Amino acid sequence: MREACCPQCRGAARLVRNPYYGAGLAVHADLLVCQSCGYTGYADNPEEDAAEVSRTQADGALRRFLRMLAGG
C-alpha cells in the first residue's frame, strides 16, 4: 500500500490494489481509499482519458451531497 492525499478532504489516503484488475472486470489497477472521510475512488491512471476523470470528480460531488442529505 502506498500513501496518497484524498481529493475531497485532503486527509491521509491509501492506494490499494484493485482485486478485480487483471480478471477482465476492471480497467483501473489501483483504488484510492481515504481513512478520514471514507472516499473510495480510482487512483490516477495515465491511460485514463479526460472523460473518465471528470466523471470520477462528478461522482465525488454526488457522494458528498448524498452524505450531506443523510446527515453524515
PDB file of N, CA and C in Angstrom:
ATOM      1  N   MET A   1       0.847  -1.186   0.000  1.00  0.00           N
ATOM      2  CA  MET A   1       0.000   0.000   0.000  1.00  0.00           C
ATOM      3  C   MET A   1       0.887   1.242   0.000  1.00  0.00           C
ATOM      4  N   ARG A   2       0.444   2.232  -0.726  1.00  0.00           N
ATOM      5  CA  ARG A   2       1.166   3.499  -0.801  1.00  0.00           C
ATOM      6  C   ARG A   2       0.285   4.595  -0.230  1.00  0.00           C
ATOM      7  N   GLU A   3       0.906   5.626   0.311  1.00  0.00           N
ATOM      8  CA  GLU A   3       0.166   6.757   0.869  1.00  0.00           C
ATOM      9  C   GLU A   3      -0.116   7.780  -0.227  1.00  0.00           C
ATOM     10  N   ALA A   4      -1.242   8.453  -0.107  1.00  0.00           N
ATOM     11  CA  ALA A   4      -1.629   9.494  -1.052  1.00  0.00           C
ATOM     12  C   ALA A   4      -2.483  10.515  -0.307  1.00  0.00           C
ATOM     13  N   CYS A   5      -2.987  11.494  -1.026  1.00  0.00           N
ATOM     14  CA  CYS A   5      -3.814  12.544  -0.453  1.00  0.00           C
ATOM     15  C   CYS A   5      -5.230  12.414  -1.023  1.00  0.00           C
ATOM     16  N   CYS A   6      -6.234  12.505  -0.150  1.00  0.00           N
ATOM     17  CA  CYS A   6      -7.629  12.391  -0.575  1.00  0.00           C
ATOM     18  C   CYS A   6      -8.027  13.615  -1.401  1.00  0.00           C
ATOM     19  N   PRO A   7      -8.703  13.443  -2.538  1.00  0.00           N
ATOM     20  CA  PRO A   7      -9.115  14.580  -3.351  1.00  0.00           C
ATOM     21  C   PRO A   7     -10.259  15.381  -2.736  1.00  0.00           C
ATOM     22  N   GLN A   8     -10.956  14.828  -1.753  1.00  0.00           N
ATOM     23  CA  GLN A   8     -12.080  15.548  -1.149  1.00  0.00           C
ATOM     24  C   GLN A   8     -11.679  16.296   0.114  1.00  0.00           C
ATOM     25  N   CYS A   9     -11.087  15.591   1.067  1.00  0.00           N
ATOM     26  CA  CYS A   9     -10.804  16.216   2.368  1.00  0.00           C
ATOM     27  C   CYS A   9      -9.324  16.501   2.581  1.00  0.00           C
ATOM     28  N   ARG A  10      -8.476  16.100   1.669  1.00  0.00           N
ATOM     29  CA  ARG A  10      -7.023  16.257   1.734  1.00  0.00           C
ATOM     30  C   ARG A  10      -6.407  15.508   2.911  1.00  0.00           C
ATOM     31  N   GLY A  11      -7.123  14.529   3.437  1.00  0.00           N
ATOM     32  CA  GLY A  11      -6.606  13.699   4.517  1.00  0.00           C
ATOM     33  C   GLY A  11      -5.739  12.574   3.981  1.00  0.00           C
ATOM     34  N   ALA A  12      -5.253  11.759   4.897  1.00  0.00           N
ATOM     35  CA  ALA A  12      -4.410  10.622   4.512  1.00  0.00           C
ATOM     36  C   ALA A  12      -5.256   9.565   3.822  1.00  0.00           C
ATOM     37  N   ALA A  13      -4.805   9.128   2.684  1.00  0.00           N
ATOM     38  CA  ALA A  13      -5.492   8.086   1.918  1.00  0.00           C
ATOM     39  C   ALA A  13      -4.463   7.033   1.547  1.00  0.00           C
ATOM     40  N   ARG A  14      -4.945   5.861   1.196  1.00  0.00           N
ATOM     41  CA  ARG A  14      -4.024   4.803   0.800  1.00  0.00           C
ATOM     42  C   ARG A  14      -4.427   4.266  -0.565  1.00  0.00           C
ATOM     43  N   LEU A  15      -3.427   3.845  -1.295  1.00  0.00           N
ATOM     44  CA  LEU A  15      -3.645   3.219  -2.592  1.00  0.00           C
ATOM     45  C   LEU A  15      -3.604   1.715  -2.396  1.00  0.00           C
ATOM     46  N   VAL A  16      -4.665   1.049  -2.764  1.00  0.00           N
ATOM     47  CA  VAL A  16      -4.723  -0.406  -2.638  1.00  0.00           C
ATOM     48  C   VAL A  16      -4.937  -1.016  -4.017  1.00  0.00           C
ATOM     49  N   ARG A  17      -4.476  -2.217  -4.183  1.00  0.00           N
ATOM     50  CA  ARG A  17      -4.614  -2.924  -5.455  1.00  0.00           C
ATOM     51  C   ARG A  17      -6.074  -3.299  -5.678  1.00  0.00           C
ATOM     52  N   ASN A  18      -6.587  -3.048  -6.865  1.00  0.00           N
ATOM     53  CA  ASN A  18      -7.961  -3.399  -7.218  1.00  0.00           C
ATOM     54  C   ASN A  18      -8.041  -4.915  -7.395  1.00  0.00           C
ATOM     55  N   PRO A  19      -8.857  -5.603  -6.575  1.00  0.00           N
ATOM     56  CA  PRO A  19      -8.892  -7.070  -6.672  1.00  0.00           C
ATOM     57  C   PRO A  19      -9.476  -7.586  -7.983  1.00  0.00           C
ATOM     58  N   TYR A  20     -10.192  -6.745  -8.712  1.00  0.00           N
ATOM     59  CA  TYR A  20     -10.803  -7.170  -9.966  1.00  0.00           C
ATOM     60  C   TYR A  20      -9.942  -6.869 -11.181  1.00  0.00           C
ATOM     61  N   TYR A  21      -8.841  -6.159 -10.987  1.00  0.00           N
ATOM     62  CA  TYR A  21      -7.958  -5.810 -12.099  1.00  0.00           C
ATOM     63  C   TYR A  21      -7.230  -7.065 -12.582  1.00  0.00           C
ATOM     64  N   GLY A  22      -7.180  -7.239 -13.868  1.00  0.00           N
ATOM     65  CA  GLY A  22      -6.498  -8.390 -14.448  1.00  0.00           C
ATOM     66  C   GLY A  22      -7.412  -9.578 -14.669  1.00  0.00           C
ATOM     67  N   ALA A  23      -8.617  -9.529 -14.116  1.00  0.00           N
ATOM     68  CA  ALA A  23      -9.564 -10.627 -14.303  1.00  0.00           C
ATOM     69  C   ALA A  23     -10.580 -10.289 -15.387  1.00  0.00           C
ATOM     70  N   GLY A  24     -10.347  -9.181 -16.072  1.00  0.00           N
ATOM     71  CA  GLY A  24     -11.272  -8.754 -17.120  1.00  0.00           C
ATOM     72  C   GLY A  24     -12.467  -7.990 -16.582  1.00  0.00           C
ATOM     73  N   LEU A  25     -12.456  -7.654 -15.297  1.00  0.00           N
ATOM     74  CA  LEU A  25     -13.591  -6.968 -14.691  1.00  0.00           C
ATOM     75  C   LEU A  25     -13.310  -5.508 -14.386  1.00  0.00           C
ATOM     76  N   ALA A  26     -12.060  -5.058 -14.490  1.00  0.00           N
ATOM     77  CA  ALA A  26     -11.716  -3.681 -14.155  1.00  0.00           C
ATOM     78  C   ALA A  26     -10.598  -3.186 -15.056  1.00  0.00           C
ATOM     79  N   VAL A  27     -10.575  -1.879 -15.274  1.00  0.00           N
ATOM     80  CA  VAL A  27      -9.511  -1.276 -16.065  1.00  0.00           C
ATOM     81  C   VAL A  27      -8.575  -0.441 -15.196  1.00  0.00           C
ATOM     82  N   HIS A  28      -8.899  -0.242 -13.921  1.00  0.00           N
ATOM     83  CA  HIS A  28      -8.069   0.537 -13.012  1.00  0.00           C
ATOM     84  C   HIS A  28      -7.295  -0.408 -12.096  1.00  0.00           C
ATOM     85  N   ALA A  29      -5.987  -0.260 -12.084  1.00  0.00           N
ATOM     86  CA  ALA A  29      -5.145  -1.156 -11.298  1.00  0.00           C
ATOM     87  C   ALA A  29      -5.192  -0.835  -9.811  1.00  0.00           C
ATOM     88  N   ASP A  30      -5.366   0.442  -9.459  1.00  0.00           N
ATOM     89  CA  ASP A  30      -5.319   0.857  -8.057  1.00  0.00           C
ATOM     90  C   ASP A  30      -6.589   1.601  -7.665  1.00  0.00           C
ATOM     91  N   LEU A  31      -6.953   1.483  -6.386  1.00  0.00           N
ATOM     92  CA  LEU A  31      -8.067   2.214  -5.809  1.00  0.00           C
ATOM     93  C   LEU A  31      -7.528   3.147  -4.739  1.00  0.00           C
ATOM     94  N   LEU A  32      -8.138   4.321  -4.591  1.00  0.00           N
ATOM     95  CA  LEU A  32      -7.770   5.292  -3.576  1.00  0.00           C
ATOM     96  C   LEU A  32      -8.814   5.233  -2.467  1.00  0.00           C
ATOM     97  N   VAL A  33      -8.389   4.948  -1.232  1.00  0.00           N
ATOM     98  CA  VAL A  33      -9.306   4.816  -0.104  1.00  0.00           C
ATOM     99  C   VAL A  33      -8.872   5.798   0.978  1.00  0.00           C
ATOM    100  N   CYS A  34      -9.749   6.747   1.325  1.00  0.00           N
ATOM    101  CA  CYS A  34      -9.441   7.749   2.345  1.00  0.00           C
ATOM    102  C   CYS A  34      -9.736   7.170   3.727  1.00  0.00           C
ATOM    103  N   GLN A  35      -8.838   7.402   4.659  1.00  0.00           N
ATOM    104  CA  GLN A  35      -9.004   6.900   6.009  1.00  0.00           C
ATOM    105  C   GLN A  35      -9.814   7.864   6.869  1.00  0.00           C
ATOM    106  N   SER A  36      -9.952   9.128   6.437  1.00  0.00           N
ATOM    107  CA  SER A  36     -10.674  10.126   7.217  1.00  0.00           C
ATOM    108  C   SER A  36     -12.152  10.206   6.845  1.00  0.00           C
ATOM    109  N   CYS A  37     -12.433  10.428   5.553  1.00  0.00           N
ATOM    110  CA  CYS A  37     -13.826  10.671   5.138  1.00  0.00           C
ATOM    111  C   CYS A  37     -14.483   9.456   4.491  1.00  0.00           C
ATOM    112  N   GLY A  38     -13.725   8.404   4.207  1.00  0.00           N
ATOM    113  CA  GLY A  38     -14.297   7.206   3.611  1.00  0.00           C
ATOM    114  C   GLY A  38     -14.414   7.241   2.104  1.00  0.00           C
ATOM    115  N   TYR A  39     -13.864   8.258   1.455  1.00  0.00           N
ATOM    116  CA  TYR A  39     -13.906   8.357  -0.002  1.00  0.00           C
ATOM    117  C   TYR A  39     -13.207   7.155  -0.625  1.00  0.00           C
ATOM    118  N   THR A  40     -13.835   6.582  -1.620  1.00  0.00           N
ATOM    119  CA  THR A  40     -13.233   5.496  -2.386  1.00  0.00           C
ATOM    120  C   THR A  40     -13.370   5.834  -3.861  1.00  0.00           C
ATOM    121  N   GLY A  41     -12.269   5.824  -4.563  1.00  0.00           N
ATOM    122  CA  GLY A  41     -12.298   6.150  -5.985  1.00  0.00           C
ATOM    123  C   GLY A  41     -11.116   5.521  -6.682  1.00  0.00           C
ATOM    124  N   TYR A  42     -10.996   5.803  -7.946  1.00  0.00           N
ATOM    125  CA  TYR A  42      -9.919   5.248  -8.752  1.00  0.00           C
ATOM    126  C   TYR A  42      -8.684   6.126  -8.627  1.00  0.00           C
ATOM    127  N   ALA A  43      -7.532   5.506  -8.501  1.00  0.00           N
ATOM    128  CA  ALA A  43      -6.276   6.235  -8.476  1.00  0.00           C
ATOM    129  C   ALA A  43      -5.956   6.708  -9.891  1.00  0.00           C
ATOM    130  N   ASP A  44      -5.079   7.683  -9.992  1.00  0.00           N
ATOM    131  CA  ASP A  44      -4.703   8.208 -11.302  1.00  0.00           C
ATOM    132  C   ASP A  44      -4.098   7.115 -12.153  1.00  0.00           C
ATOM    133  N   ASN A  45      -4.608   7.018 -13.371  1.00  0.00           N
ATOM    134  CA  ASN A  45      -4.136   6.026 -14.325  1.00  0.00           C
ATOM    135  C   ASN A  45      -3.716   6.792 -15.573  1.00  0.00           C
ATOM    136  N   PRO A  46      -2.467   6.715 -16.011  1.00  0.00           N
ATOM    137  CA  PRO A  46      -2.022   7.504 -17.155  1.00  0.00           C
ATOM    138  C   PRO A  46      -2.785   7.206 -18.438  1.00  0.00           C
ATOM    139  N   GLU A  47      -3.374   6.030 -18.573  1.00  0.00           N
ATOM    140  CA  GLU A  47      -4.118   5.698 -19.781  1.00  0.00           C
ATOM    141  C   GLU A  47      -5.555   6.207 -19.748  1.00  0.00           C
ATOM    142  N   GLU A  48      -5.962   6.766 -18.610  1.00  0.00           N
ATOM    143  CA  GLU A  48      -7.337   7.241 -18.462  1.00  0.00           C
ATOM    144  C   GLU A  48      -7.543   8.509 -19.300  1.00  0.00           C
ATOM    145  N   ASP A  49      -8.652   8.619 -19.961  1.00  0.00           N
ATOM    146  CA  ASP A  49      -8.906   9.824 -20.746  1.00  0.00           C
ATOM    147  C   ASP A  49      -9.604  10.878 -19.877  1.00  0.00           C
ATOM    148  N   ALA A  50      -9.746  12.073 -20.383  1.00  0.00           N
ATOM    149  CA  ALA A  50     -10.298  13.187 -19.615  1.00  0.00           C
ATOM    150  C   ALA A  50     -11.753  12.950 -19.214  1.00  0.00           C
ATOM    151  N   ALA A  51     -12.528  12.227 -20.003  1.00  0.00           N
ATOM    152  CA  ALA A  51     -13.923  11.954 -19.665  1.00  0.00           C
ATOM    153  C   ALA A  51     -14.034  11.115 -18.403  1.00  0.00           C
ATOM    154  N   GLU A  52     -13.169  10.149 -18.243  1.00  0.00           N
ATOM    155  CA  GLU A  52     -13.183   9.311 -17.045  1.00  0.00           C
ATOM    156  C   GLU A  52     -12.867  10.141 -15.805  1.00  0.00           C
ATOM    157  N   VAL A  53     -11.900  11.046 -15.914  1.00  0.00           N
ATOM    158  CA  VAL A  53     -11.512  11.869 -14.769  1.00  0.00           C
ATOM    159  C   VAL A  53     -12.659  12.778 -14.357  1.00  0.00           C
ATOM    160  N   SER A  54     -13.320  13.426 -15.312  1.00  0.00           N
ATOM    161  CA  SER A  54     -14.417  14.316 -14.964  1.00  0.00           C
ATOM    162  C   SER A  54     -15.594  13.543 -14.368  1.00  0.00           C
ATOM    163  N   ARG A  55     -15.836  12.327 -14.845  1.00  0.00           N
ATOM    164  CA  ARG A  55     -16.922  11.519 -14.293  1.00  0.00           C
ATOM    165  C   ARG A  55     -16.619  11.130 -12.846  1.00  0.00           C
ATOM    166  N   THR A  56     -15.351  10.811 -12.528  1.00  0.00           N
ATOM    167  CA  THR A  56     -14.970  10.462 -11.160  1.00  0.00           C
ATOM    168  C   THR A  56     -15.140  11.660 -10.245  1.00  0.00           C
ATOM    169  N   GLN A  57     -14.795  12.867 -10.710  1.00  0.00           N
ATOM    170  CA  GLN A  57     -14.954  14.061  -9.895  1.00  0.00           C
ATOM    171  C   GLN A  57     -16.422  14.361  -9.664  1.00  0.00           C
ATOM    172  N   ALA A  58     -17.251  14.192 -10.676  1.00  0.00           N
ATOM    173  CA  ALA A  58     -18.687  14.416 -10.516  1.00  0.00           C
ATOM    174  C   ALA A  58     -19.274  13.400  -9.554  1.00  0.00           C
ATOM    175  N   ASP A  59     -18.787  12.175  -9.604  1.00  0.00           N
ATOM    176  CA  ASP A  59     -19.245  11.137  -8.688  1.00  0.00           C
ATOM    177  C   ASP A  59     -18.874  11.504  -7.254  1.00  0.00           C
ATOM    178  N   GLY A  60     -17.709  12.089  -7.047  1.00  0.00           N
ATOM    179  CA  GLY A  60     -17.296  12.524  -5.714  1.00  0.00           C
ATOM    180  C   GLY A  60     -18.211  13.613  -5.176  1.00  0.00           C
ATOM    181  N   ALA A  61     -18.601  14.552  -6.039  1.00  0.00           N
ATOM    182  CA  ALA A  61     -19.515  15.607  -5.619  1.00  0.00           C
ATOM    183  C   ALA A  61     -20.881  15.027  -5.269  1.00  0.00           C
ATOM    184  N   LEU A  62     -21.336  14.049  -6.017  1.00  0.00           N
ATOM    185  CA  LEU A  62     -22.614  13.400  -5.727  1.00  0.00           C
ATOM    186  C   LEU A  62     -22.553  12.682  -4.383  1.00  0.00           C
ATOM    187  N   ARG A  63     -21.455  12.010  -4.105  1.00  0.00           N
ATOM    188  CA  ARG A  63     -21.314  11.326  -2.821  1.00  0.00           C
ATOM    189  C   ARG A  63     -21.343  12.306  -1.662  1.00  0.00           C
ATOM    190  N   ARG A  64     -20.656  13.439  -1.806  1.00  0.00           N
ATOM    191  CA  ARG A  64     -20.670  14.457  -0.747  1.00  0.00           C
ATOM    192  C   ARG A  64     -22.089  14.961  -0.520  1.00  0.00           C
ATOM    193  N   PHE A  65     -22.822  15.209  -1.594  1.00  0.00           N
ATOM    194  CA  PHE A  65     -24.195  15.700  -1.492  1.00  0.00           C
ATOM    195  C   PHE A  65     -25.098  14.667  -0.806  1.00  0.00           C
ATOM    196  N   LEU A  66     -24.965  13.409  -1.184  1.00  0.00           N
ATOM    197  CA  LEU A  66     -25.789  12.365  -0.572  1.00  0.00           C
ATOM    198  C   LEU A  66     -25.443  12.188   0.903  1.00  0.00           C
ATOM    199  N   ARG A  67     -24.162  12.299   1.263  1.00  0.00           N
ATOM    200  CA  ARG A  67     -23.783  12.223   2.675  1.00  0.00           C
ATOM    201  C   ARG A  67     -24.369  13.392   3.447  1.00  0.00           C
ATOM    202  N   MET A  68     -24.407  14.595   2.830  1.00  0.00           N
ATOM    203  CA  MET A  68     -24.968  15.763   3.491  1.00  0.00           C
ATOM    204  C   MET A  68     -26.459  15.551   3.743  1.00  0.00           C
ATOM    205  N   LEU A  69     -27.168  14.987   2.768  1.00  0.00           N
ATOM    206  CA  LEU A  69     -28.604  14.726   2.934  1.00  0.00           C
ATOM    207  C   LEU A  69     -28.860  13.685   4.017  1.00  0.00           C
ATOM    208  N   ALA A  70     -27.969  12.729   4.132  1.00  0.00           N
ATOM    209  CA  ALA A  70     -28.132  11.668   5.133  1.00  0.00           C
ATOM    210  C   ALA A  70     -27.725  12.134   6.527  1.00  0.00           C
ATOM    211  N   GLY A  71     -27.131  13.324   6.616  1.00  0.00           N
ATOM    212  CA  GLY A  71     -26.740  13.862   7.912  1.00  0.00           C
ATOM    213  C   GLY A  71     -25.380  13.394   8.387  1.00  0.00           C
ATOM    214  N   GLY A  72     -24.583  12.879   7.460  1.00  0.00           N
ATOM    215  CA  GLY A  72     -23.260  12.347   7.833  1.00  0.00           C
ATOM    216  C   GLY A  72     -22.151  13.156   7.405  1.00  0.00           C
TER     217      GLY A  72
END
